[in-house]
PDB file of N, CA and C in Angstrom:
ATOM      1  N   MET A   1      -5.606 -16.612  -3.459  1.00  0.00           N
ATOM      2  CA  MET A   1      -5.335 -15.301  -2.904  1.00  0.00           C
ATOM      3  C   MET A   1      -5.708 -14.197  -3.888  1.00  0.00           C
ATOM      4  N   ASP A   2      -6.856 -14.327  -4.504  1.00  0.00           N
ATOM      5  CA  ASP A   2      -7.319 -13.302  -5.436  1.00  0.00           C
ATOM      6  C   ASP A   2      -7.536 -11.961  -4.764  1.00  0.00           C
ATOM      7  N   TRP A   3      -7.772 -11.969  -3.457  1.00  0.00           N
ATOM      8  CA  TRP A   3      -8.024 -10.723  -2.743  1.00  0.00           C
ATOM      9  C   TRP A   3      -6.781  -9.839  -2.680  1.00  0.00           C
ATOM     10  N   MET A   4      -5.633 -10.384  -3.029  1.00  0.00           N
ATOM     11  CA  MET A   4      -4.401  -9.597  -2.995  1.00  0.00           C
ATOM     12  C   MET A   4      -4.087  -8.938  -4.341  1.00  0.00           C
ATOM     13  N   ILE A   5      -4.894  -9.201  -5.364  1.00  0.00           N
ATOM     14  CA  ILE A   5      -4.678  -8.594  -6.676  1.00  0.00           C
ATOM     15  C   ILE A   5      -5.235  -7.172  -6.649  1.00  0.00           C
ATOM     16  N   ILE A   6      -4.403  -6.221  -7.000  1.00  0.00           N
ATOM     17  CA  ILE A   6      -4.792  -4.814  -6.950  1.00  0.00           C
ATOM     18  C   ILE A   6      -5.216  -4.365  -8.342  1.00  0.00           C
ATOM     19  N   GLU A   7      -6.432  -3.849  -8.437  1.00  0.00           N
ATOM     20  CA  GLU A   7      -6.948  -3.328  -9.697  1.00  0.00           C
ATOM     21  C   GLU A   7      -7.498  -1.920  -9.452  1.00  0.00           C
ATOM     22  N   PRO A   8      -6.629  -0.912  -9.536  1.00  0.00           N
ATOM     23  CA  PRO A   8      -7.097   0.458  -9.292  1.00  0.00           C
ATOM     24  C   PRO A   8      -8.077   0.917 -10.378  1.00  0.00           C
ATOM     25  N   SER A   9      -8.989   1.769  -9.967  1.00  0.00           N
ATOM     26  CA  SER A   9      -9.947   2.333 -10.923  1.00  0.00           C
ATOM     27  C   SER A   9      -9.223   3.344 -11.811  1.00  0.00           C
ATOM     28  N   LEU A  10      -9.888   3.740 -12.877  1.00  0.00           N
ATOM     29  CA  LEU A  10      -9.314   4.747 -13.768  1.00  0.00           C
ATOM     30  C   LEU A  10      -9.079   6.052 -13.015  1.00  0.00           C
ATOM     31  N   GLU A  11     -10.029   6.428 -12.158  1.00  0.00           N
ATOM     32  CA  GLU A  11      -9.876   7.648 -11.367  1.00  0.00           C
ATOM     33  C   GLU A  11      -8.641   7.568 -10.456  1.00  0.00           C
ATOM     34  N   GLN A  12      -8.432   6.424  -9.835  1.00  0.00           N
ATOM     35  CA  GLN A  12      -7.255   6.254  -8.976  1.00  0.00           C
ATOM     36  C   GLN A  12      -5.963   6.346  -9.782  1.00  0.00           C
ATOM     37  N   LYS A  13      -5.959   5.743 -10.956  1.00  0.00           N
ATOM     38  CA  LYS A  13      -4.774   5.812 -11.823  1.00  0.00           C
ATOM     39  C   LYS A  13      -4.486   7.249 -12.249  1.00  0.00           C
ATOM     40  N   LEU A  14      -5.548   7.994 -12.581  1.00  0.00           N
ATOM     41  CA  LEU A  14      -5.367   9.384 -12.991  1.00  0.00           C
ATOM     42  C   LEU A  14      -4.873  10.250 -11.838  1.00  0.00           C
ATOM     43  N   ASN A  15      -5.380  10.007 -10.633  1.00  0.00           N
ATOM     44  CA  ASN A  15      -4.904  10.746  -9.460  1.00  0.00           C
ATOM     45  C   ASN A  15      -3.428  10.474  -9.217  1.00  0.00           C
ATOM     46  N   LEU A  16      -3.020   9.230  -9.365  1.00  0.00           N
ATOM     47  CA  LEU A  16      -1.616   8.871  -9.212  1.00  0.00           C
ATOM     48  C   LEU A  16      -0.763   9.575 -10.258  1.00  0.00           C
ATOM     49  N   GLU A  17      -1.228   9.578 -11.494  1.00  0.00           N
ATOM     50  CA  GLU A  17      -0.488  10.232 -12.573  1.00  0.00           C
ATOM     51  C   GLU A  17      -0.341  11.733 -12.317  1.00  0.00           C
ATOM     52  N   CYS A  18      -1.411  12.366 -11.849  1.00  0.00           N
ATOM     53  CA  CYS A  18      -1.344  13.808 -11.535  1.00  0.00           C
ATOM     54  C   CYS A  18      -0.323  14.079 -10.431  1.00  0.00           C
ATOM     55  N   SER A  19      -0.321  13.237  -9.406  1.00  0.00           N
ATOM     56  CA  SER A  19       0.642  13.405  -8.315  1.00  0.00           C
ATOM     57  C   SER A  19       2.070  13.243  -8.817  1.00  0.00           C
ATOM     58  N   CYS A  20       2.276  12.230  -9.653  1.00  0.00           N
ATOM     59  CA  CYS A  20       3.622  11.990 -10.191  1.00  0.00           C
ATOM     60  C   CYS A  20       4.089  13.155 -11.066  1.00  0.00           C
ATOM     61  N   ARG A  21       3.208  13.669 -11.883  1.00  0.00           N
ATOM     62  CA  ARG A  21       3.578  14.805 -12.739  1.00  0.00           C
ATOM     63  C   ARG A  21       3.895  16.042 -11.909  1.00  0.00           C
ATOM     64  N   GLY A  22       3.134  16.251 -10.840  1.00  0.00           N
ATOM     65  CA  GLY A  22       3.411  17.388  -9.964  1.00  0.00           C
ATOM     66  C   GLY A  22       4.797  17.306  -9.350  1.00  0.00           C
ATOM     67  N   ILE A  23       5.186  16.115  -8.946  1.00  0.00           N
ATOM     68  CA  ILE A  23       6.515  15.923  -8.364  1.00  0.00           C
ATOM     69  C   ILE A  23       7.599  16.149  -9.422  1.00  0.00           C
ATOM     70  N   LYS A  24       7.377  15.618 -10.620  1.00  0.00           N
ATOM     71  CA  LYS A  24       8.362  15.781 -11.699  1.00  0.00           C
ATOM     72  C   LYS A  24       8.572  17.240 -12.069  1.00  0.00           C
ATOM     73  N   GLN A  25       7.530  18.059 -11.912  1.00  0.00           N
ATOM     74  CA  GLN A  25       7.620  19.466 -12.298  1.00  0.00           C
ATOM     75  C   GLN A  25       8.169  20.349 -11.173  1.00  0.00           C
ATOM     76  N   THR A  26       8.324  19.802  -9.986  1.00  0.00           N
ATOM     77  CA  THR A  26       8.809  20.584  -8.856  1.00  0.00           C
ATOM     78  C   THR A  26      10.282  20.911  -9.030  1.00  0.00           C
ATOM     79  N   THR A  27      10.624  22.163  -8.783  1.00  0.00           N
ATOM     80  CA  THR A  27      12.019  22.593  -8.882  1.00  0.00           C
ATOM     81  C   THR A  27      12.621  22.870  -7.507  1.00  0.00           C
ATOM     82  N   ASP A  28      11.807  22.797  -6.465  1.00  0.00           N
ATOM     83  CA  ASP A  28      12.258  23.067  -5.095  1.00  0.00           C
ATOM     84  C   ASP A  28      12.870  21.793  -4.501  1.00  0.00           C
ATOM     85  N   LEU A  29      14.206  21.740  -4.441  1.00  0.00           N
ATOM     86  CA  LEU A  29      14.917  20.560  -3.972  1.00  0.00           C
ATOM     87  C   LEU A  29      14.567  20.215  -2.527  1.00  0.00           C
ATOM     88  N   ALA A  30      14.418  21.216  -1.679  1.00  0.00           N
ATOM     89  CA  ALA A  30      14.074  20.958  -0.275  1.00  0.00           C
ATOM     90  C   ALA A  30      12.704  20.292  -0.173  1.00  0.00           C
ATOM     91  N   GLU A  31      11.760  20.730  -0.994  1.00  0.00           N
ATOM     92  CA  GLU A  31      10.422  20.136  -0.992  1.00  0.00           C
ATOM     93  C   GLU A  31      10.483  18.674  -1.429  1.00  0.00           C
ATOM     94  N   VAL A  32      11.286  18.394  -2.446  1.00  0.00           N
ATOM     95  CA  VAL A  32      11.434  17.020  -2.933  1.00  0.00           C
ATOM     96  C   VAL A  32      12.084  16.145  -1.860  1.00  0.00           C
ATOM     97  N   ARG A  33      13.105  16.674  -1.183  1.00  0.00           N
ATOM     98  CA  ARG A  33      13.753  15.921  -0.098  1.00  0.00           C
ATOM     99  C   ARG A  33      12.764  15.594   1.008  1.00  0.00           C
ATOM    100  N   ASP A  34      11.988  16.590   1.429  1.00  0.00           N
ATOM    101  CA  ASP A  34      11.003  16.378   2.491  1.00  0.00           C
ATOM    102  C   ASP A  34       9.964  15.340   2.082  1.00  0.00           C
ATOM    103  N   LEU A  35       9.544  15.407   0.828  1.00  0.00           N
ATOM    104  CA  LEU A  35       8.579  14.438   0.328  1.00  0.00           C
ATOM    105  C   LEU A  35       9.168  13.033   0.323  1.00  0.00           C
ATOM    106  N   CYS A  36      10.412  12.907  -0.114  1.00  0.00           N
ATOM    107  CA  CYS A  36      11.073  11.594  -0.129  1.00  0.00           C
ATOM    108  C   CYS A  36      11.180  11.009   1.275  1.00  0.00           C
ATOM    109  N   VAL A  37      11.559  11.816   2.230  1.00  0.00           N
ATOM    110  CA  VAL A  37      11.665  11.349   3.616  1.00  0.00           C
ATOM    111  C   VAL A  37      10.298  10.887   4.116  1.00  0.00           C
ATOM    112  N   ALA A  38       9.267  11.682   3.871  1.00  0.00           N
ATOM    113  CA  ALA A  38       7.920  11.331   4.318  1.00  0.00           C
ATOM    114  C   ALA A  38       7.438  10.039   3.658  1.00  0.00           C
ATOM    115  N   LEU A  39       7.732   9.876   2.377  1.00  0.00           N
ATOM    116  CA  LEU A  39       7.313   8.673   1.665  1.00  0.00           C
ATOM    117  C   LEU A  39       8.046   7.427   2.154  1.00  0.00           C
ATOM    118  N   ILE A  40       9.325   7.551   2.444  1.00  0.00           N
ATOM    119  CA  ILE A  40      10.089   6.419   2.965  1.00  0.00           C
ATOM    120  C   ILE A  40       9.559   6.007   4.338  1.00  0.00           C
ATOM    121  N   GLN A  41       9.273   6.981   5.178  1.00  0.00           N
ATOM    122  CA  GLN A  41       8.721   6.673   6.501  1.00  0.00           C
ATOM    123  C   GLN A  41       7.346   6.025   6.377  1.00  0.00           C
ATOM    124  N   GLN A  42       6.496   6.580   5.541  1.00  0.00           N
ATOM    125  CA  GLN A  42       5.161   6.029   5.357  1.00  0.00           C
ATOM    126  C   GLN A  42       5.231   4.613   4.786  1.00  0.00           C
ATOM    127  N   ASN A  43       6.098   4.397   3.811  1.00  0.00           N
ATOM    128  CA  ASN A  43       6.264   3.079   3.212  1.00  0.00           C
ATOM    129  C   ASN A  43       6.725   2.056   4.247  1.00  0.00           C
ATOM    130  N   PHE A  44       7.615   2.464   5.120  1.00  0.00           N
ATOM    131  CA  PHE A  44       8.120   1.576   6.169  1.00  0.00           C
ATOM    132  C   PHE A  44       6.969   1.089   7.058  1.00  0.00           C
ATOM    133  N   TYR A  45       6.169   2.025   7.561  1.00  0.00           N
ATOM    134  CA  TYR A  45       5.083   1.655   8.466  1.00  0.00           C
ATOM    135  C   TYR A  45       3.966   0.910   7.744  1.00  0.00           C
ATOM    136  N   GLN A  46       3.682   1.271   6.506  1.00  0.00           N
ATOM    137  CA  GLN A  46       2.668   0.545   5.753  1.00  0.00           C
ATOM    138  C   GLN A  46       3.120  -0.885   5.465  1.00  0.00           C
ATOM    139  N   GLY A  47       4.406  -1.062   5.185  1.00  0.00           N
ATOM    140  CA  GLY A  47       4.944  -2.405   4.971  1.00  0.00           C
ATOM    141  C   GLY A  47       4.802  -3.273   6.207  1.00  0.00           C
ATOM    142  N   LEU A  48       5.120  -2.708   7.362  1.00  0.00           N
ATOM    143  CA  LEU A  48       4.958  -3.454   8.611  1.00  0.00           C
ATOM    144  C   LEU A  48       3.496  -3.815   8.845  1.00  0.00           C
ATOM    145  N   MET A  49       2.613  -2.848   8.647  1.00  0.00           N
ATOM    146  CA  MET A  49       1.196  -3.092   8.865  1.00  0.00           C
ATOM    147  C   MET A  49       0.669  -4.139   7.888  1.00  0.00           C
ATOM    148  N   LEU A  50       1.083  -4.078   6.631  1.00  0.00           N
ATOM    149  CA  LEU A  50       0.632  -5.030   5.633  1.00  0.00           C
ATOM    150  C   LEU A  50       1.106  -6.444   5.966  1.00  0.00           C
ATOM    151  N   ARG A  51       2.364  -6.587   6.355  1.00  0.00           N
ATOM    152  CA  ARG A  51       2.868  -7.907   6.738  1.00  0.00           C
ATOM    153  C   ARG A  51       2.100  -8.462   7.932  1.00  0.00           C
ATOM    154  N   GLN A  52       1.842  -7.599   8.902  1.00  0.00           N
ATOM    155  CA  GLN A  52       1.104  -8.014  10.089  1.00  0.00           C
ATOM    156  C   GLN A  52      -0.332  -8.417   9.717  1.00  0.00           C
ATOM    157  N   ALA A  53      -0.977  -7.654   8.852  1.00  0.00           N
ATOM    158  CA  ALA A  53      -2.350  -7.951   8.446  1.00  0.00           C
ATOM    159  C   ALA A  53      -2.425  -9.256   7.657  1.00  0.00           C
ATOM    160  N   VAL A  54      -1.502  -9.451   6.714  1.00  0.00           N
ATOM    161  CA  VAL A  54      -1.497 -10.681   5.918  1.00  0.00           C
ATOM    162  C   VAL A  54      -1.227 -11.886   6.807  1.00  0.00           C
ATOM    163  N   SER A  55      -0.343 -11.741   7.762  1.00  0.00           N
ATOM    164  CA  SER A  55      -0.067 -12.824   8.709  1.00  0.00           C
ATOM    165  C   SER A  55      -1.313 -13.159   9.522  1.00  0.00           C
ATOM    166  N   ARG A  56      -2.013 -12.145   9.974  1.00  0.00           N
ATOM    167  CA  ARG A  56      -3.242 -12.347  10.757  1.00  0.00           C
ATOM    168  C   ARG A  56      -4.329 -13.000   9.903  1.00  0.00           C
ATOM    169  N   ILE A  57      -4.478 -12.559   8.667  1.00  0.00           N
ATOM    170  CA  ILE A  57      -5.460 -13.157   7.758  1.00  0.00           C
ATOM    171  C   ILE A  57      -5.130 -14.628   7.522  1.00  0.00           C
ATOM    172  N   GLY A  58      -3.852 -14.927   7.309  1.00  0.00           N
ATOM    173  CA  GLY A  58      -3.436 -16.314   7.117  1.00  0.00           C
ATOM    174  C   GLY A  58      -3.749 -17.170   8.326  1.00  0.00           C
ATOM    175  N   ALA A  59      -3.505 -16.631   9.514  1.00  0.00           N
ATOM    176  CA  ALA A  59      -3.801 -17.382  10.739  1.00  0.00           C
ATOM    177  C   ALA A  59      -5.305 -17.630  10.864  1.00  0.00           C
ATOM    178  N   LEU A  60      -6.106 -16.625  10.555  1.00  0.00           N
ATOM    179  CA  LEU A  60      -7.564 -16.786  10.635  1.00  0.00           C
ATOM    180  C   LEU A  60      -8.069 -17.771   9.590  1.00  0.00           C
ATOM    181  N   GLU A  61      -7.507 -17.717   8.371  1.00  0.00           N
ATOM    182  CA  GLU A  61      -7.921 -18.654   7.327  1.00  0.00           C
ATOM    183  C   GLU A  61      -7.567 -20.087   7.700  1.00  0.00           C
ATOM    184  N   SER A  62      -6.384 -20.293   8.254  1.00  0.00           N
ATOM    185  CA  SER A  62      -6.005 -21.655   8.639  1.00  0.00           C
ATOM    186  C   SER A  62      -6.860 -22.132   9.807  1.00  0.00           C
ATOM    187  N   LYS A  63      -7.271 -21.226  10.669  1.00  0.00           N
ATOM    188  CA  LYS A  63      -8.148 -21.573  11.778  1.00  0.00           C
ATOM    189  C   LYS A  63      -9.521 -21.992  11.243  1.00  0.00           C
ATOM    190  N   CYS A  64     -10.029 -21.266  10.232  1.00  0.00           N
ATOM    191  CA  CYS A  64     -11.321 -21.600   9.627  1.00  0.00           C
ATOM    192  C   CYS A  64     -11.266 -22.963   8.932  1.00  0.00           C
ATOM    193  N   VAL A  65     -10.152 -23.269   8.297  1.00  0.00           N
ATOM    194  CA  VAL A  65      -9.999 -24.541   7.590  1.00  0.00           C
ATOM    195  C   VAL A  65      -9.990 -25.694   8.565  1.00  0.00           C
ATOM    196  N   SER A  66      -9.407 -25.488   9.738  1.00  0.00           N
ATOM    197  CA  SER A  66      -9.290 -26.572  10.714  1.00  0.00           C
ATOM    198  C   SER A  66     -10.562 -26.781  11.529  1.00  0.00           C
ATOM    199  N   LEU A  67     -11.545 -25.869  11.429  1.00  0.00           N
ATOM    200  CA  LEU A  67     -12.807 -26.039  12.153  1.00  0.00           C
ATOM    201  C   LEU A  67     -13.649 -27.108  11.478  1.00  0.00           C
ATOM    202  N   PRO A  68     -14.341 -27.927  12.273  1.00  0.00           N
ATOM    203  CA  PRO A  68     -15.211 -28.950  11.668  1.00  0.00           C
ATOM    204  C   PRO A  68     -16.380 -28.305  10.923  1.00  0.00           C
ATOM    205  N   GLN A  69     -16.673 -28.810   9.741  1.00  0.00           N
ATOM    206  CA  GLN A  69     -17.774 -28.303   8.925  1.00  0.00           C
ATOM    207  C   GLN A  69     -19.064 -28.967   9.355  1.00  0.00           C
ATOM    208  N   GLU A  70     -20.131 -28.193   9.469  1.00  0.00           N
ATOM    209  CA  GLU A  70     -21.423 -28.742   9.869  1.00  0.00           C
ATOM    210  C   GLU A  70     -22.256 -29.083   8.660  1.00  0.00           C
TER     211      GLU A  70
END
């Protein structure tokens, strides 16, 4: 399952760091609350989608393994 190993590029890591620093510097509590709610909702749906995708990939891989090789 090497395809599940995540190796972000340096640019992706830097973008993440910039986003995190922006949040840490925010003093607007309402903005932080809204962001937290949005992130929790997004994480919920992404988790469901990821589980569904991994399950589908597993089913397809097992189907490929069970096919006769020519």
